[in-house]
C-alpha atoms as a PDB file:
ATOM      1  CA  MET A   1     109.996 132.909 -49.254  1.00  0.00           C
ATOM      2  CA  ASN A   2     110.322 132.790 -53.047  1.00  0.00           C
ATOM      3  CA  GLN A   3     108.061 134.610 -55.548  1.00  0.00           C
ATOM      4  CA  THR A   4     105.944 131.500 -56.214  1.00  0.00           C
ATOM      5  CA  SER A   5     105.246 131.131 -52.490  1.00  0.00           C
ATOM      6  CA  LYS A   6     104.291 134.805 -52.233  1.00  0.00           C
ATOM      7  CA  ASN A   7     101.730 134.374 -55.015  1.00  0.00           C
ATOM      8  CA  LEU A   8     100.095 131.574 -53.065  1.00  0.00           C
ATOM      9  CA  ILE A   9      99.392 133.755 -50.028  1.00  0.00           C
ATOM     10  CA  GLU A  10      95.647 133.851 -49.395  1.00  0.00           C
ATOM     11  CA  GLY A  11      94.116 137.103 -50.628  1.00  0.00           C
ATOM     12  CA  ALA A  12      97.342 138.377 -52.215  1.00  0.00           C
ATOM     13  CA  ARG A  13      97.221 140.439 -55.368  1.00  0.00           C
ATOM     14  CA  GLU A  14      99.778 141.939 -57.661  1.00  0.00           C
ATOM     15  CA  LEU A  15     100.130 145.635 -58.406  1.00  0.00           C
ATOM     16  CA  ILE A  16     102.202 147.499 -60.990  1.00  0.00           C
ATOM     17  CA  ALA A  17     104.090 150.407 -59.397  1.00  0.00           C
ATOM     18  CA  PHE A  18     105.136 153.428 -61.453  1.00  0.00           C
ATOM     19  CA  ARG A  19     106.588 156.885 -60.998  1.00  0.00           C
ATOM     20  CA  ILE A  20     105.219 160.297 -61.904  1.00  0.00           C
ATOM     21  CA  GLY A  21     107.773 162.900 -60.923  1.00  0.00           C
ATOM     22  CA  GLU A  22     109.028 162.033 -57.445  1.00  0.00           C
ATOM     23  CA  GLN A  23     105.853 160.189 -56.431  1.00  0.00           C
ATOM     24  CA  GLU A  24     105.005 156.522 -56.775  1.00  0.00           C
ATOM     25  CA  PHE A  25     101.601 155.093 -57.610  1.00  0.00           C
ATOM     26  CA  CYS A  26     100.290 151.635 -58.376  1.00  0.00           C
ATOM     27  CA  VAL A  27      97.337 149.965 -60.075  1.00  0.00           C
ATOM     28  CA  ASP A  28      96.002 146.422 -60.045  1.00  0.00           C
ATOM     29  CA  ILE A  29      97.973 144.284 -62.492  1.00  0.00           C
ATOM     30  CA  MET A  30      94.708 142.708 -63.707  1.00  0.00           C
ATOM     31  CA  SER A  31      93.762 145.997 -65.405  1.00  0.00           C
ATOM     32  CA  VAL A  32      97.117 146.278 -67.232  1.00  0.00           C
ATOM     33  CA  ARG A  33      97.276 144.823 -70.740  1.00  0.00           C
ATOM     34  CA  GLU A  34     100.797 145.899 -71.757  1.00  0.00           C
ATOM     35  CA  ILE A  35     103.557 148.414 -71.151  1.00  0.00           C
ATOM     36  CA  ARG A  36     105.091 150.152 -74.149  1.00  0.00           C
ATOM     37  CA  GLY A  37     107.460 152.983 -74.947  1.00  0.00           C
ATOM     38  CA  TRP A  38     106.250 156.510 -75.648  1.00  0.00           C
ATOM     39  CA  THR A  39     104.744 157.061 -79.085  1.00  0.00           C
ATOM     40  CA  PRO A  40     103.746 160.599 -80.095  1.00  0.00           C
ATOM     41  CA  ALA A  41      99.963 160.951 -79.991  1.00  0.00           C
ATOM     42  CA  THR A  42      97.722 162.659 -82.525  1.00  0.00           C
ATOM     43  CA  SER A  43      95.858 165.371 -80.648  1.00  0.00           C
ATOM     44  CA  LEU A  44      92.078 165.558 -80.734  1.00  0.00           C
ATOM     45  CA  PRO A  45      90.193 168.858 -80.879  1.00  0.00           C
ATOM     46  CA  HIS A  46      87.975 169.719 -77.892  1.00  0.00           C
ATOM     47  CA  SER A  47      89.355 166.871 -75.777  1.00  0.00           C
ATOM     48  CA  PRO A  48      89.866 167.336 -72.013  1.00  0.00           C
ATOM     49  CA  GLY A  49      93.272 168.776 -71.025  1.00  0.00           C
ATOM     50  CA  PHE A  50      94.491 165.454 -69.654  1.00  0.00           C
ATOM     51  CA  VAL A  51      93.905 163.650 -72.990  1.00  0.00           C
ATOM     52  CA  LEU A  52      97.149 163.915 -74.985  1.00  0.00           C
ATOM     53  CA  GLY A  53      95.551 162.399 -78.077  1.00  0.00           C
ATOM     54  CA  VAL A  54      95.338 158.973 -79.682  1.00  0.00           C
ATOM     55  CA  ILE A  55      97.779 156.408 -81.084  1.00  0.00           C
ATOM     56  CA  ASN A  56      97.315 153.409 -83.341  1.00  0.00           C
ATOM     57  CA  LEU A  57      97.720 150.228 -81.301  1.00  0.00           C
ATOM     58  CA  ARG A  58      97.687 147.306 -83.739  1.00  0.00           C
ATOM     59  CA  GLY A  59      94.821 148.809 -85.738  1.00  0.00           C
ATOM     60  CA  ALA A  60      92.849 150.082 -82.727  1.00  0.00           C
ATOM     61  CA  VAL A  61      92.589 153.741 -81.686  1.00  0.00           C
ATOM     62  CA  LEU A  62      93.973 154.118 -78.156  1.00  0.00           C
ATOM     63  CA  PRO A  63      93.398 157.357 -76.192  1.00  0.00           C
ATOM     64  CA  ILE A  64      96.500 158.482 -74.266  1.00  0.00           C
ATOM     65  CA  ILE A  65      95.932 160.119 -70.874  1.00  0.00           C
ATOM     66  CA  ASP A  66      98.534 162.328 -69.182  1.00  0.00           C
ATOM     67  CA  LEU A  67      98.146 160.700 -65.767  1.00  0.00           C
ATOM     68  CA  SER A  68     100.143 163.461 -64.057  1.00  0.00           C
ATOM     69  CA  ASN A  69      97.714 166.079 -65.382  1.00  0.00           C
ATOM     70  CA  ARG A  70      94.689 163.889 -64.553  1.00  0.00           C
ATOM     71  CA  LEU A  71      95.895 163.575 -60.962  1.00  0.00           C
ATOM     72  CA  GLY A  72      96.102 167.379 -60.667  1.00  0.00           C
ATOM     73  CA  MET A  73      99.882 167.459 -60.864  1.00  0.00           C
ATOM     74  CA  LYS A  74     102.176 169.169 -63.367  1.00  0.00           C
ATOM     75  CA  GLU A  75     101.455 168.534 -67.048  1.00  0.00           C
ATOM     76  CA  SER A  76     103.898 166.016 -68.572  1.00  0.00           C
ATOM     77  CA  ASP A  77     106.305 166.824 -71.363  1.00  0.00           C
ATOM     78  CA  PRO A  78     106.497 163.374 -72.995  1.00  0.00           C
ATOM     79  CA  SER A  79     109.894 162.117 -74.135  1.00  0.00           C
ATOM     80  CA  ALA A  80     111.498 158.818 -75.134  1.00  0.00           C
ATOM     81  CA  ARG A  81     112.023 157.970 -71.440  1.00  0.00           C
ATOM     82  CA  HIS A  82     108.262 157.968 -70.717  1.00  0.00           C
ATOM     83  CA  VAL A  83     106.148 154.823 -70.973  1.00  0.00           C
ATOM     84  CA  ILE A  84     102.523 154.109 -71.740  1.00  0.00           C
ATOM     85  CA  ILE A  85     100.694 151.630 -69.537  1.00  0.00           C
ATOM     86  CA  VAL A  86      97.844 150.199 -71.611  1.00  0.00           C
ATOM     87  CA  THR A  87      94.968 149.534 -69.210  1.00  0.00           C
ATOM     88  CA  GLN A  88      91.407 148.337 -69.480  1.00  0.00           C
ATOM     89  CA  VAL A  89      88.871 150.581 -67.721  1.00  0.00           C
ATOM     90  CA  HIS A  90      85.118 149.943 -68.044  1.00  0.00           C
ATOM     91  CA  GLN A  91      85.669 147.518 -70.981  1.00  0.00           C
ATOM     92  CA  LYS A  92      87.623 150.237 -72.871  1.00  0.00           C
ATOM     93  CA  PHE A  93      91.372 150.439 -73.448  1.00  0.00           C
ATOM     94  CA  VAL A  94      93.180 153.579 -72.256  1.00  0.00           C
ATOM     95  CA  GLY A  95      96.901 154.400 -72.359  1.00  0.00           C
ATOM     96  CA  LEU A  96      98.336 156.066 -69.253  1.00  0.00           C
ATOM     97  CA  LEU A  97     101.456 158.184 -69.752  1.00  0.00           C
ATOM     98  CA  VAL A  98     103.839 157.794 -66.767  1.00  0.00           C
ATOM     99  CA  ASP A  99     107.528 158.545 -66.183  1.00  0.00           C
ATOM    100  CA  ALA A 100     108.595 154.932 -65.575  1.00  0.00           C
ATOM    101  CA  VAL A 101     107.340 151.576 -64.335  1.00  0.00           C
ATOM    102  CA  SER A 102     109.282 150.696 -61.196  1.00  0.00           C
ATOM    103  CA  ASP A 103     108.037 147.426 -59.726  1.00  0.00           C
ATOM    104  CA  ILE A 104     105.557 144.583 -59.502  1.00  0.00           C
ATOM    105  CA  LEU A 105     104.315 144.318 -55.914  1.00  0.00           C
ATOM    106  CA  THR A 106     102.573 141.396 -54.229  1.00  0.00           C
ATOM    107  CA  VAL A 107     100.373 142.684 -51.393  1.00  0.00           C
ATOM    108  CA  THR A 108      97.450 141.713 -49.216  1.00  0.00           C
ATOM    109  CA  ASP A 109      94.697 144.010 -47.933  1.00  0.00           C
ATOM    110  CA  GLU A 110      96.606 144.293 -44.628  1.00  0.00           C
ATOM    111  CA  ASN A 111      99.439 146.094 -46.505  1.00  0.00           C
ATOM    112  CA  ILE A 112      97.059 148.825 -47.708  1.00  0.00           C
ATOM    113  CA  GLN A 113      96.590 151.740 -45.300  1.00  0.00           C
ATOM    114  CA  PRO A 114      93.520 153.991 -45.630  1.00  0.00           C
ATOM    115  CA  THR A 115      93.905 157.267 -47.517  1.00  0.00           C
ATOM    116  CA  PRO A 116      94.799 159.994 -44.963  1.00  0.00           C
ATOM    117  CA  GLU A 117      92.015 162.342 -43.823  1.00  0.00           C
ATOM    118  CA  VAL A 118      94.034 165.353 -44.994  1.00  0.00           C
ATOM    119  CA  SER A 119      93.459 164.330 -48.631  1.00  0.00           C
ATOM    120  CA  SER A 120      90.899 166.182 -50.707  1.00  0.00           C
ATOM    121  CA  GLU A 121      87.632 164.516 -51.681  1.00  0.00           C
ATOM    122  CA  LEU A 122      88.978 164.148 -55.225  1.00  0.00           C
ATOM    123  CA  ASP A 123      92.047 162.312 -53.900  1.00  0.00           C
ATOM    124  CA  LYS A 124      89.889 160.001 -51.795  1.00  0.00           C
ATOM    125  CA  SER A 125      87.630 159.196 -54.738  1.00  0.00           C
ATOM    126  CA  PHE A 126      90.439 157.566 -56.730  1.00  0.00           C
ATOM    127  CA  ALA A 127      93.063 156.786 -54.055  1.00  0.00           C
ATOM    128  CA  LYS A 128      92.113 153.405 -52.687  1.00  0.00           C
ATOM    129  CA  GLY A 129      94.846 153.556 -50.085  1.00  0.00           C
ATOM    130  CA  VAL A 130      98.553 153.937 -49.413  1.00  0.00           C
ATOM    131  CA  LEU A 131     101.211 151.227 -49.262  1.00  0.00           C
ATOM    132  CA  ALA A 132     104.237 151.698 -47.015  1.00  0.00           C
ATOM    133  CA  ILE A 133     106.732 149.217 -48.460  1.00  0.00           C
ATOM    134  CA  GLU A 134     110.534 149.206 -48.032  1.00  0.00           C
ATOM    135  CA  GLY A 135     110.562 152.841 -46.935  1.00  0.00           C
ATOM    136  CA  ARG A 136     108.462 153.923 -49.937  1.00  0.00           C
ATOM    137  CA  MET A 137     104.986 155.462 -49.875  1.00  0.00           C
ATOM    138  CA  ILE A 138     102.955 154.249 -52.859  1.00  0.00           C
ATOM    139  CA  CYS A 139      99.422 155.468 -53.608  1.00  0.00           C
ATOM    140  CA  LEU A 140      97.047 152.751 -54.857  1.00  0.00           C
ATOM    141  CA  ILE A 141      94.867 154.181 -57.638  1.00  0.00           C
ATOM    142  CA  GLU A 142      91.391 152.879 -58.470  1.00  0.00           C
ATOM    143  CA  LEU A 143      91.199 153.411 -62.254  1.00  0.00           C
ATOM    144  CA  GLU A 144      87.413 153.039 -62.413  1.00  0.00           C
ATOM    145  CA  SER A 145      87.066 155.969 -59.978  1.00  0.00           C
ATOM    146  CA  LEU A 146      89.727 158.070 -61.691  1.00  0.00           C
ATOM    147  CA  PHE A 147      88.038 157.618 -65.055  1.00  0.00           C
ATOM    148  CA  PRO A 148      84.249 157.494 -64.697  1.00  0.00           C
ATOM    149  CA  GLU A 149      82.580 155.589 -67.532  1.00  0.00           C
ATOM    150  CA  ASP A 150      81.311 158.758 -69.270  1.00  0.00           C
ATOM    151  CA  GLU A 151      84.873 160.214 -69.359  1.00  0.00           C
ATOM    152  CA  VAL A 152      86.287 157.031 -70.880  1.00  0.00           C
ATOM    153  CA  GLU A 153      83.569 157.176 -73.535  1.00  0.00           C
ATOM    154  CA  ALA A 154      84.395 160.843 -74.250  1.00  0.00           C
ATOM    155  CA  ALA A 155      88.119 160.101 -74.626  1.00  0.00           C
END
């Protein structure tokens, strides 16, 4: 089955997969506006620890979020190999710092397994499920849950 046929599968959707450390995550492609290389961010005083700062994106101020830190993992040390996924969350644009974008996946709801019961309540609030694809375990992130509207406003 070619890619065009896959896209015609009833109920299929596309996800962007990316790496943070050794783990893989994905988000709905409909929330992604662009993927760009790392640009040093200007830090903001009194911002949450996961907000690296802001960059100028074609005349607009774009907050950059250290997604590793936001997910409760190790704080990132951004370098030229990192990328920023520009996403739209609650009608606001937010840049997510990740190690690398790895794939575009076409999945249906049947491919998404529920988040395991051993996960913390925080994990369950933003982890929509887990995909087991080609021997990989990929966590599907719900950006609206990971960044409540008041946090996006604050950033």
